Structures are given as C-alpha cells and as structure tokens.
Amino acid sequence: MAAESPTDESKPHLIFSYGTLKQGFHNHKLTQDLIDRNDAVSLGPYVTQHSYPLICGPHGIPYLINLPGSGHRIKGELYSVSTRGLARFDELEGTSIGHYERLPIHVIHGSGDGVVSAEAYFAHRSFGPAMWERNGKKGLSEFTENEARGYVKRQDRPYQGRTILEDVRQFVSRS
C-alpha cells in the first residue's frame, strides 16, 4: 500500500529524525501516533549530506549540533509531517523554551539517491557548541540502542527543582 501524504492541506514539512523519535526508540510513540492520524509518513532511512556533531547530553538525550563539517554524517529517518504534526514535534522538542531549534538540513536517502532539503531539531545555539566542546569534540554517527540505554524518561529524571535547560547548563559547566 502506498503511503498517503499527511491530511493537512498545506505543504508537508520534511523532518529528519536522528534520536528518540526514530522507530524503536522512546519518543517514537509520538511519531507513530502522527502516522496513525495521517499527520506523518515515514520516508525511510536517510543520512546527512554533511557531517555534524551528535552527542548525548544530560539524561542521555541526543543532541545534533549545528556545526557543519564537524563530527560525522548522521544516520536517521525522514518523515513528511503535516503542520499539525509539526506543532506536536515542536512541543516535544521544546522549541518555544530554547531547548531545541528546528533548522534546515540536507539529507540523502539510504540508497544514495539525490539530496533532499529538510529540517532537523538541533541543540539550541545558546548551548550547542559548548556541549560539543564539553564532550571533547567526540560524537556519534548514529543514536543506537546502546546510547538509548542511557536515556532517562522525562518522568524518571531527578527533578530537584531544575528545568531541562538548567540541567543542560549544569552539564556544560561540569569539568
């Protein structure tokens, strides 16, 4: 059965997923819900055209960092998402609070066919480069089950009165 385009009449948004929204990972339940509601369609495996840093930060959360030319070409999945679905992704990724920012990226299908313009969720510019430095400029080419073992679900994170952005600042400032 051919995949149908999202129900939203506006132009679909192409979102490159490299972390917990991918199939088989913790937040894929949101992606699957969007697929079930015809607000997203999986377009398959893709890889970034250029290299980028990908690291795991506090709570094992994966962060793509907008420093093209550093790191590795990143493996992930591409989704065509409706405007309604995009709003749900933006909410999960905390774009309104400065956790992630959705920025343009170029990706190539796993078969090697052509470059596609999409968007991805990058660590916010206010802390992304510092996270890369903090991680010794060592990154991943893919968020896998191995890294996912270190992921702490939101409800299981030690609260101690801190927001995720405060956890990020603490992570960056640790030596």
N, C-alpha and C. Protein backbone atom coordinates (compact mmCIF):
# COMPACT_ATOMS: atom_id res chain seq x y z
N MET A 1 0.85 -1.18 0.00
CA MET A 1 0.00 0.00 0.00
C MET A 1 0.90 1.24 0.00
N ALA A 2 0.66 2.14 -0.91
CA ALA A 2 1.46 3.36 -1.00
C ALA A 2 1.14 4.28 0.17
N ALA A 3 2.16 4.96 0.64
CA ALA A 3 1.97 5.91 1.74
C ALA A 3 1.20 7.11 1.23
N GLU A 4 0.21 7.53 2.01
CA GLU A 4 -0.55 8.72 1.66
C GLU A 4 0.15 9.93 2.26
N SER A 5 -0.09 11.09 1.64
CA SER A 5 0.50 12.29 2.21
C SER A 5 -0.31 12.72 3.42
N PRO A 6 0.31 13.49 4.32
CA PRO A 6 -0.40 13.94 5.51
C PRO A 6 -1.71 14.64 5.16
N THR A 7 -2.68 14.58 6.09
CA THR A 7 -4.02 15.13 5.86
C THR A 7 -4.02 16.64 5.75
N ASP A 8 -3.11 17.33 6.37
CA ASP A 8 -3.06 18.78 6.33
C ASP A 8 -2.87 19.24 4.89
N GLU A 9 -3.67 20.20 4.45
CA GLU A 9 -3.63 20.64 3.07
C GLU A 9 -2.39 21.46 2.73
N SER A 10 -1.72 22.01 3.75
CA SER A 10 -0.52 22.80 3.48
C SER A 10 0.62 21.88 3.03
N LYS A 11 1.66 22.52 2.51
CA LYS A 11 2.83 21.76 2.07
C LYS A 11 3.39 20.96 3.25
N PRO A 12 3.65 19.67 3.05
CA PRO A 12 4.21 18.88 4.16
C PRO A 12 5.60 19.36 4.53
N HIS A 13 5.94 19.17 5.77
CA HIS A 13 7.25 19.51 6.30
C HIS A 13 8.08 18.23 6.33
N LEU A 14 9.31 18.30 5.88
CA LEU A 14 10.21 17.15 5.93
C LEU A 14 11.09 17.28 7.16
N ILE A 15 10.99 16.30 8.05
CA ILE A 15 11.72 16.32 9.32
C ILE A 15 12.67 15.13 9.37
N PHE A 16 13.95 15.44 9.58
CA PHE A 16 14.98 14.41 9.74
C PHE A 16 15.08 14.08 11.23
N SER A 17 14.82 12.84 11.57
CA SER A 17 14.87 12.38 12.96
C SER A 17 16.12 11.53 13.17
N TYR A 18 16.88 11.86 14.18
CA TYR A 18 18.15 11.16 14.43
C TYR A 18 18.20 10.53 15.81
N GLY A 19 17.18 10.76 16.66
CA GLY A 19 17.26 10.33 18.05
C GLY A 19 16.04 9.57 18.52
N THR A 20 15.44 10.05 19.60
CA THR A 20 14.39 9.29 20.27
C THR A 20 13.07 9.25 19.51
N LEU A 21 12.92 10.03 18.45
CA LEU A 21 11.70 9.98 17.63
C LEU A 21 11.77 8.87 16.58
N LYS A 22 12.95 8.27 16.40
CA LYS A 22 13.12 7.20 15.41
C LYS A 22 12.36 5.94 15.84
N GLN A 23 12.08 5.13 14.85
CA GLN A 23 11.41 3.85 15.10
C GLN A 23 12.24 3.02 16.08
N GLY A 24 11.54 2.48 17.10
CA GLY A 24 12.19 1.62 18.08
C GLY A 24 12.72 2.37 19.30
N PHE A 25 12.59 3.69 19.33
CA PHE A 25 13.11 4.47 20.45
C PHE A 25 11.97 5.12 21.23
N HIS A 26 12.30 5.62 22.42
CA HIS A 26 11.31 6.02 23.40
C HIS A 26 10.22 6.96 22.88
N ASN A 27 10.57 8.02 22.19
CA ASN A 27 9.58 9.00 21.76
C ASN A 27 8.95 8.70 20.40
N HIS A 28 9.26 7.52 19.84
CA HIS A 28 8.63 7.15 18.57
C HIS A 28 7.12 6.99 18.72
N LYS A 29 6.65 6.82 19.96
CA LYS A 29 5.19 6.71 20.15
C LYS A 29 4.49 7.96 19.63
N LEU A 30 5.12 9.14 19.75
CA LEU A 30 4.54 10.35 19.18
C LEU A 30 4.55 10.27 17.66
N THR A 31 5.67 9.87 17.08
CA THR A 31 5.76 9.73 15.63
C THR A 31 4.71 8.75 15.14
N GLN A 32 4.59 7.61 15.83
CA GLN A 32 3.61 6.59 15.42
C GLN A 32 2.19 7.12 15.54
N ASP A 33 1.91 7.90 16.58
CA ASP A 33 0.58 8.50 16.73
C ASP A 33 0.29 9.42 15.55
N LEU A 34 1.27 10.20 15.13
CA LEU A 34 1.09 11.08 13.98
C LEU A 34 0.86 10.28 12.70
N ILE A 35 1.59 9.18 12.54
CA ILE A 35 1.39 8.31 11.38
C ILE A 35 -0.03 7.73 11.41
N ASP A 36 -0.45 7.25 12.57
CA ASP A 36 -1.79 6.66 12.71
C ASP A 36 -2.89 7.67 12.39
N ARG A 37 -2.63 8.96 12.69
CA ARG A 37 -3.62 10.02 12.44
C ARG A 37 -3.45 10.65 11.06
N ASN A 38 -2.59 10.05 10.24
CA ASN A 38 -2.29 10.54 8.90
C ASN A 38 -1.71 11.96 8.93
N ASP A 39 -0.96 12.27 10.00
CA ASP A 39 -0.26 13.54 10.11
C ASP A 39 1.24 13.38 9.88
N ALA A 40 1.68 12.17 9.55
CA ALA A 40 3.09 11.93 9.22
C ALA A 40 3.19 10.66 8.39
N VAL A 41 4.22 10.63 7.57
CA VAL A 41 4.52 9.47 6.73
C VAL A 41 6.03 9.23 6.81
N SER A 42 6.42 7.99 7.04
CA SER A 42 7.84 7.65 7.04
C SER A 42 8.34 7.57 5.61
N LEU A 43 9.47 8.23 5.35
CA LEU A 43 10.08 8.20 4.03
C LEU A 43 11.34 7.34 4.00
N GLY A 44 11.66 6.72 5.14
CA GLY A 44 12.76 5.77 5.17
C GLY A 44 14.05 6.31 5.76
N PRO A 45 15.11 5.49 5.61
CA PRO A 45 16.41 5.86 6.17
C PRO A 45 17.11 6.92 5.32
N TYR A 46 17.70 7.89 6.01
CA TYR A 46 18.45 8.96 5.35
C TYR A 46 19.71 9.21 6.16
N VAL A 47 20.65 9.91 5.53
CA VAL A 47 21.89 10.30 6.19
C VAL A 47 22.15 11.76 5.83
N THR A 48 22.76 12.51 6.75
CA THR A 48 23.04 13.90 6.45
C THR A 48 24.06 14.01 5.32
N GLN A 49 23.89 15.02 4.49
CA GLN A 49 24.83 15.25 3.41
C GLN A 49 26.19 15.66 3.96
N HIS A 50 26.17 16.46 5.02
CA HIS A 50 27.40 16.95 5.64
C HIS A 50 27.54 16.34 7.03
N SER A 51 28.73 16.42 7.56
CA SER A 51 28.94 15.92 8.92
C SER A 51 28.47 16.96 9.93
N TYR A 52 28.00 16.47 11.09
CA TYR A 52 27.56 17.29 12.21
C TYR A 52 27.93 16.56 13.50
N PRO A 53 28.12 17.31 14.57
CA PRO A 53 28.28 16.65 15.87
C PRO A 53 26.94 16.09 16.36
N LEU A 54 26.96 14.88 16.86
CA LEU A 54 25.83 14.27 17.54
C LEU A 54 26.36 13.72 18.85
N ILE A 55 25.80 14.21 19.95
CA ILE A 55 26.26 13.77 21.27
C ILE A 55 25.05 13.42 22.13
N CYS A 56 25.32 12.76 23.24
CA CYS A 56 24.30 12.53 24.26
C CYS A 56 24.62 13.46 25.43
N GLY A 57 23.63 14.24 25.82
CA GLY A 57 23.80 15.19 26.91
C GLY A 57 23.20 14.66 28.20
N PRO A 58 22.73 15.57 29.08
CA PRO A 58 22.15 15.13 30.34
C PRO A 58 20.95 14.21 30.08
N HIS A 59 20.79 13.23 30.94
CA HIS A 59 19.70 12.25 30.87
C HIS A 59 19.79 11.38 29.61
N GLY A 60 20.95 11.37 28.95
CA GLY A 60 21.13 10.56 27.75
C GLY A 60 20.38 11.09 26.54
N ILE A 61 20.01 12.36 26.58
CA ILE A 61 19.25 12.97 25.48
C ILE A 61 20.20 13.24 24.32
N PRO A 62 19.83 12.79 23.09
CA PRO A 62 20.68 13.05 21.93
C PRO A 62 20.51 14.48 21.43
N TYR A 63 21.63 15.09 21.05
CA TYR A 63 21.63 16.45 20.53
C TYR A 63 22.45 16.50 19.25
N LEU A 64 21.84 16.98 18.18
CA LEU A 64 22.55 17.31 16.96
C LEU A 64 22.97 18.77 17.10
N ILE A 65 24.22 19.08 16.77
CA ILE A 65 24.74 20.42 16.99
C ILE A 65 25.05 21.06 15.63
N ASN A 66 24.61 22.28 15.47
CA ASN A 66 24.71 22.96 14.19
C ASN A 66 26.11 23.50 13.95
N LEU A 67 27.03 22.58 13.77
CA LEU A 67 28.42 22.90 13.41
C LEU A 67 28.79 22.03 12.21
N PRO A 68 28.23 22.37 11.02
CA PRO A 68 28.51 21.54 9.84
C PRO A 68 30.00 21.44 9.58
N GLY A 69 30.42 20.24 9.20
CA GLY A 69 31.84 19.99 8.95
C GLY A 69 32.55 19.35 10.13
N SER A 70 31.91 19.36 11.30
CA SER A 70 32.45 18.68 12.48
C SER A 70 31.68 17.37 12.67
N GLY A 71 32.26 16.45 13.42
CA GLY A 71 31.55 15.21 13.71
C GLY A 71 31.50 14.24 12.54
N HIS A 72 30.33 13.65 12.34
CA HIS A 72 30.13 12.60 11.33
C HIS A 72 28.89 12.89 10.51
N ARG A 73 28.76 12.19 9.39
CA ARG A 73 27.47 12.18 8.70
C ARG A 73 26.54 11.34 9.57
N ILE A 74 25.35 11.84 9.81
CA ILE A 74 24.44 11.25 10.80
C ILE A 74 23.36 10.43 10.12
N LYS A 75 23.18 9.21 10.63
CA LYS A 75 22.12 8.33 10.13
C LYS A 75 20.83 8.60 10.89
N GLY A 76 19.72 8.60 10.16
CA GLY A 76 18.42 8.81 10.78
C GLY A 76 17.30 8.42 9.86
N GLU A 77 16.13 9.00 10.10
CA GLU A 77 14.93 8.71 9.33
C GLU A 77 14.29 10.02 8.91
N LEU A 78 13.65 10.01 7.73
CA LEU A 78 12.97 11.20 7.25
C LEU A 78 11.47 10.97 7.29
N TYR A 79 10.76 12.00 7.76
CA TYR A 79 9.30 11.96 7.84
C TYR A 79 8.71 13.17 7.14
N SER A 80 7.62 12.95 6.43
CA SER A 80 6.81 14.02 5.90
C SER A 80 5.72 14.26 6.93
N VAL A 81 5.63 15.49 7.43
CA VAL A 81 4.78 15.79 8.59
C VAL A 81 3.86 16.96 8.25
N SER A 82 2.61 16.87 8.68
CA SER A 82 1.66 17.96 8.50
C SER A 82 2.01 19.11 9.44
N THR A 83 1.41 20.26 9.21
CA THR A 83 1.62 21.41 10.10
C THR A 83 1.17 21.07 11.51
N ARG A 84 0.05 20.37 11.64
CA ARG A 84 -0.44 19.95 12.97
C ARG A 84 0.57 19.01 13.64
N GLY A 85 1.13 18.07 12.89
CA GLY A 85 2.14 17.16 13.44
C GLY A 85 3.41 17.89 13.82
N LEU A 86 3.79 18.87 13.00
CA LEU A 86 4.99 19.65 13.28
C LEU A 86 4.84 20.39 14.61
N ALA A 87 3.66 20.92 14.88
CA ALA A 87 3.42 21.61 16.16
C ALA A 87 3.61 20.66 17.33
N ARG A 88 3.23 19.39 17.17
CA ARG A 88 3.42 18.41 18.25
C ARG A 88 4.90 18.07 18.42
N PHE A 89 5.64 17.94 17.33
CA PHE A 89 7.08 17.73 17.43
C PHE A 89 7.75 18.92 18.11
N ASP A 90 7.38 20.13 17.68
CA ASP A 90 7.97 21.35 18.27
C ASP A 90 7.72 21.40 19.78
N GLU A 91 6.52 21.00 20.19
CA GLU A 91 6.20 20.99 21.63
C GLU A 91 7.08 20.00 22.38
N LEU A 92 7.20 18.78 21.85
CA LEU A 92 8.05 17.77 22.50
C LEU A 92 9.50 18.24 22.58
N GLU A 93 9.98 18.87 21.53
CA GLU A 93 11.39 19.27 21.46
C GLU A 93 11.67 20.58 22.18
N GLY A 94 10.65 21.23 22.70
CA GLY A 94 10.86 22.44 23.49
C GLY A 94 11.39 23.62 22.70
N THR A 95 10.93 23.77 21.46
CA THR A 95 11.42 24.89 20.65
C THR A 95 11.01 26.24 21.26
N SER A 96 9.88 26.30 21.92
CA SER A 96 9.42 27.58 22.47
C SER A 96 10.20 28.01 23.72
N ILE A 97 10.92 27.06 24.35
CA ILE A 97 11.69 27.39 25.55
C ILE A 97 13.20 27.44 25.29
N GLY A 98 13.60 27.22 24.02
CA GLY A 98 15.02 27.29 23.70
C GLY A 98 15.79 26.02 23.99
N HIS A 99 15.10 24.86 24.00
CA HIS A 99 15.80 23.59 24.19
C HIS A 99 16.40 23.14 22.86
N TYR A 100 15.56 22.98 21.87
CA TYR A 100 16.00 22.67 20.50
C TYR A 100 15.52 23.79 19.60
N GLU A 101 16.14 23.88 18.43
CA GLU A 101 15.63 24.75 17.39
C GLU A 101 15.58 23.94 16.10
N ARG A 102 14.53 24.16 15.33
CA ARG A 102 14.33 23.44 14.07
C ARG A 102 14.98 24.25 12.96
N LEU A 103 15.98 23.65 12.32
CA LEU A 103 16.78 24.35 11.31
C LEU A 103 16.91 23.50 10.04
N PRO A 104 17.22 24.14 8.92
CA PRO A 104 17.39 23.40 7.65
C PRO A 104 18.57 22.45 7.70
N ILE A 105 18.43 21.37 6.96
CA ILE A 105 19.49 20.37 6.83
C ILE A 105 19.31 19.67 5.49
N HIS A 106 20.39 19.19 4.91
CA HIS A 106 20.32 18.43 3.67
C HIS A 106 20.62 16.96 3.97
N VAL A 107 19.78 16.09 3.45
CA VAL A 107 19.92 14.66 3.71
C VAL A 107 19.85 13.89 2.39
N ILE A 108 20.38 12.68 2.44
CA ILE A 108 20.42 11.80 1.27
C ILE A 108 19.77 10.48 1.64
N HIS A 109 18.92 9.96 0.76
CA HIS A 109 18.26 8.67 1.01
C HIS A 109 19.31 7.58 1.17
N GLY A 110 18.98 6.57 1.96
CA GLY A 110 19.88 5.45 2.20
C GLY A 110 20.38 4.79 0.93
N SER A 111 19.60 4.89 -0.15
CA SER A 111 20.01 4.31 -1.43
C SER A 111 21.02 5.18 -2.16
N GLY A 112 21.26 6.41 -1.64
CA GLY A 112 22.22 7.31 -2.25
C GLY A 112 21.61 8.23 -3.28
N ASP A 113 20.28 8.17 -3.46
CA ASP A 113 19.60 8.99 -4.46
C ASP A 113 19.39 10.42 -3.98
N GLY A 114 19.96 11.38 -4.67
CA GLY A 114 19.67 12.79 -4.52
C GLY A 114 19.66 13.40 -3.14
N VAL A 115 19.91 14.68 -3.09
CA VAL A 115 19.89 15.46 -1.85
C VAL A 115 18.50 16.03 -1.65
N VAL A 116 18.01 15.94 -0.42
CA VAL A 116 16.69 16.44 -0.06
C VAL A 116 16.87 17.53 1.00
N SER A 117 16.16 18.63 0.85
CA SER A 117 16.15 19.69 1.86
C SER A 117 15.08 19.36 2.89
N ALA A 118 15.47 19.35 4.15
CA ALA A 118 14.56 19.01 5.24
C ALA A 118 14.88 19.95 6.41
N GLU A 119 14.35 19.59 7.58
CA GLU A 119 14.68 20.30 8.81
C GLU A 119 14.99 19.25 9.87
N ALA A 120 15.75 19.65 10.87
CA ALA A 120 16.08 18.77 11.98
C ALA A 120 16.07 19.61 13.25
N TYR A 121 15.95 18.92 14.38
CA TYR A 121 15.99 19.59 15.68
C TYR A 121 17.42 19.58 16.18
N PHE A 122 17.99 20.79 16.27
CA PHE A 122 19.36 20.98 16.73
C PHE A 122 19.34 21.49 18.16
N ALA A 123 20.37 21.14 18.92
CA ALA A 123 20.56 21.77 20.23
C ALA A 123 20.53 23.28 20.02
N HIS A 124 19.87 23.99 20.91
CA HIS A 124 19.77 25.44 20.75
C HIS A 124 21.17 26.06 20.68
N ARG A 125 21.30 27.06 19.86
CA ARG A 125 22.60 27.73 19.65
C ARG A 125 23.20 28.31 20.92
N SER A 126 22.35 28.55 21.94
CA SER A 126 22.87 29.12 23.19
C SER A 126 23.72 28.14 23.98
N PHE A 127 23.62 26.84 23.67
CA PHE A 127 24.44 25.86 24.40
C PHE A 127 25.01 24.76 23.52
N GLY A 128 24.56 24.61 22.28
CA GLY A 128 25.03 23.51 21.42
C GLY A 128 26.54 23.46 21.26
N PRO A 129 27.19 24.54 20.83
CA PRO A 129 28.65 24.49 20.66
C PRO A 129 29.38 24.17 21.97
N ALA A 130 28.88 24.67 23.09
CA ALA A 130 29.52 24.38 24.39
C ALA A 130 29.38 22.90 24.74
N MET A 131 28.26 22.28 24.34
CA MET A 131 28.10 20.84 24.59
C MET A 131 29.13 20.04 23.79
N TRP A 132 29.37 20.46 22.56
CA TRP A 132 30.36 19.80 21.70
C TRP A 132 31.74 19.91 22.34
N GLU A 133 32.09 21.09 22.81
CA GLU A 133 33.37 21.29 23.50
C GLU A 133 33.45 20.42 24.75
N ARG A 134 32.39 20.44 25.55
CA ARG A 134 32.32 19.68 26.80
C ARG A 134 32.51 18.19 26.55
N ASN A 135 32.05 17.73 25.38
CA ASN A 135 32.15 16.32 25.03
C ASN A 135 33.49 15.98 24.38
N GLY A 136 34.43 16.92 24.43
CA GLY A 136 35.76 16.67 23.86
C GLY A 136 35.76 16.59 22.35
N LYS A 137 34.75 17.19 21.71
CA LYS A 137 34.60 17.16 20.25
C LYS A 137 34.58 15.73 19.73
N LYS A 138 34.00 14.85 20.53
CA LYS A 138 33.82 13.45 20.11
C LYS A 138 32.32 13.20 20.01
N GLY A 139 31.91 12.66 18.88
CA GLY A 139 30.49 12.45 18.66
C GLY A 139 30.17 11.10 18.05
N LEU A 140 28.91 10.92 17.80
CA LEU A 140 28.36 9.67 17.25
C LEU A 140 28.02 9.87 15.78
N SER A 141 27.87 8.76 15.06
CA SER A 141 27.34 8.83 13.70
C SER A 141 25.87 8.40 13.69
N GLU A 142 25.44 7.82 14.83
CA GLU A 142 24.06 7.35 14.92
C GLU A 142 23.70 7.14 16.38
N PHE A 143 22.47 7.51 16.73
CA PHE A 143 21.91 7.21 18.05
C PHE A 143 21.34 5.81 17.95
N THR A 144 21.94 4.86 18.70
CA THR A 144 21.57 3.45 18.61
C THR A 144 20.99 2.95 19.93
N GLU A 145 20.63 1.67 19.96
CA GLU A 145 20.13 1.06 21.20
C GLU A 145 21.14 1.19 22.33
N ASN A 146 22.42 1.15 22.00
CA ASN A 146 23.45 1.28 23.01
C ASN A 146 23.34 2.62 23.74
N GLU A 147 23.24 3.71 22.98
CA GLU A 147 23.09 5.04 23.59
C GLU A 147 21.73 5.17 24.27
N ALA A 148 20.71 4.55 23.69
CA ALA A 148 19.36 4.66 24.25
C ALA A 148 19.26 4.06 25.65
N ARG A 149 20.17 3.15 25.99
CA ARG A 149 20.18 2.58 27.35
C ARG A 149 20.44 3.66 28.40
N GLY A 150 21.12 4.73 28.01
CA GLY A 150 21.42 5.82 28.93
C GLY A 150 20.34 6.89 28.99
N TYR A 151 19.32 6.74 28.14
CA TYR A 151 18.24 7.74 28.10
C TYR A 151 17.34 7.59 29.31
N VAL A 152 17.06 8.70 29.98
CA VAL A 152 16.18 8.69 31.15
C VAL A 152 14.87 9.36 30.74
N LYS A 153 13.78 8.62 30.85
CA LYS A 153 12.46 9.16 30.51
C LYS A 153 12.16 10.38 31.36
N ARG A 154 11.43 11.31 30.78
CA ARG A 154 11.13 12.58 31.46
C ARG A 154 10.59 12.35 32.86
N GLN A 155 9.66 11.42 33.00
CA GLN A 155 9.04 11.19 34.32
C GLN A 155 9.99 10.53 35.32
N ASP A 156 11.10 9.98 34.84
CA ASP A 156 12.05 9.30 35.72
C ASP A 156 13.29 10.16 36.04
N ARG A 157 13.36 11.36 35.50
CA ARG A 157 14.52 12.22 35.73
C ARG A 157 14.46 12.80 37.14
N PRO A 158 15.62 12.90 37.78
CA PRO A 158 15.64 13.54 39.11
C PRO A 158 15.28 15.01 38.94
N TYR A 159 14.22 15.41 39.56
CA TYR A 159 13.70 16.77 39.37
C TYR A 159 14.54 17.81 40.09
N GLN A 160 14.61 17.72 41.38
CA GLN A 160 15.40 18.64 42.21
C GLN A 160 15.16 20.10 41.84
N GLY A 161 13.95 20.41 41.34
CA GLY A 161 13.58 21.79 41.06
C GLY A 161 14.22 22.41 39.84
N ARG A 162 14.88 21.62 38.98
CA ARG A 162 15.57 22.16 37.80
C ARG A 162 14.76 21.90 36.53
N THR A 163 14.90 22.81 35.57
CA THR A 163 14.34 22.60 34.24
C THR A 163 15.38 21.88 33.39
N ILE A 164 14.98 21.42 32.21
CA ILE A 164 15.92 20.76 31.32
C ILE A 164 17.04 21.73 30.91
N LEU A 165 16.71 23.00 30.73
CA LEU A 165 17.75 23.97 30.36
C LEU A 165 18.75 24.16 31.49
N GLU A 166 18.29 24.10 32.74
CA GLU A 166 19.22 24.18 33.87
C GLU A 166 20.10 22.93 33.93
N ASP A 167 19.52 21.77 33.60
CA ASP A 167 20.31 20.54 33.54
C ASP A 167 21.37 20.64 32.45
N VAL A 168 21.01 21.22 31.31
CA VAL A 168 21.96 21.41 30.22
C VAL A 168 23.09 22.33 30.66
N ARG A 169 22.74 23.46 31.29
CA ARG A 169 23.79 24.39 31.76
C ARG A 169 24.72 23.71 32.77
N GLN A 170 24.15 22.90 33.65
CA GLN A 170 24.96 22.18 34.63
C GLN A 170 25.87 21.17 33.91
N PHE A 171 25.35 20.47 32.92
CA PHE A 171 26.11 19.51 32.14
C PHE A 171 27.30 20.19 31.45
N VAL A 172 27.05 21.35 30.85
CA VAL A 172 28.09 22.07 30.11
C VAL A 172 29.16 22.60 31.07
N SER A 173 28.75 23.01 32.27
CA SER A 173 29.71 23.63 33.20
C SER A 173 30.55 22.61 33.97
N ARG A 174 30.15 21.32 33.96
CA ARG A 174 30.95 20.30 34.64
C ARG A 174 32.29 20.12 33.95
N SER A 175 33.32 19.93 34.74
CA SER A 175 34.64 19.71 34.13
C SER A 175 35.03 18.26 34.22
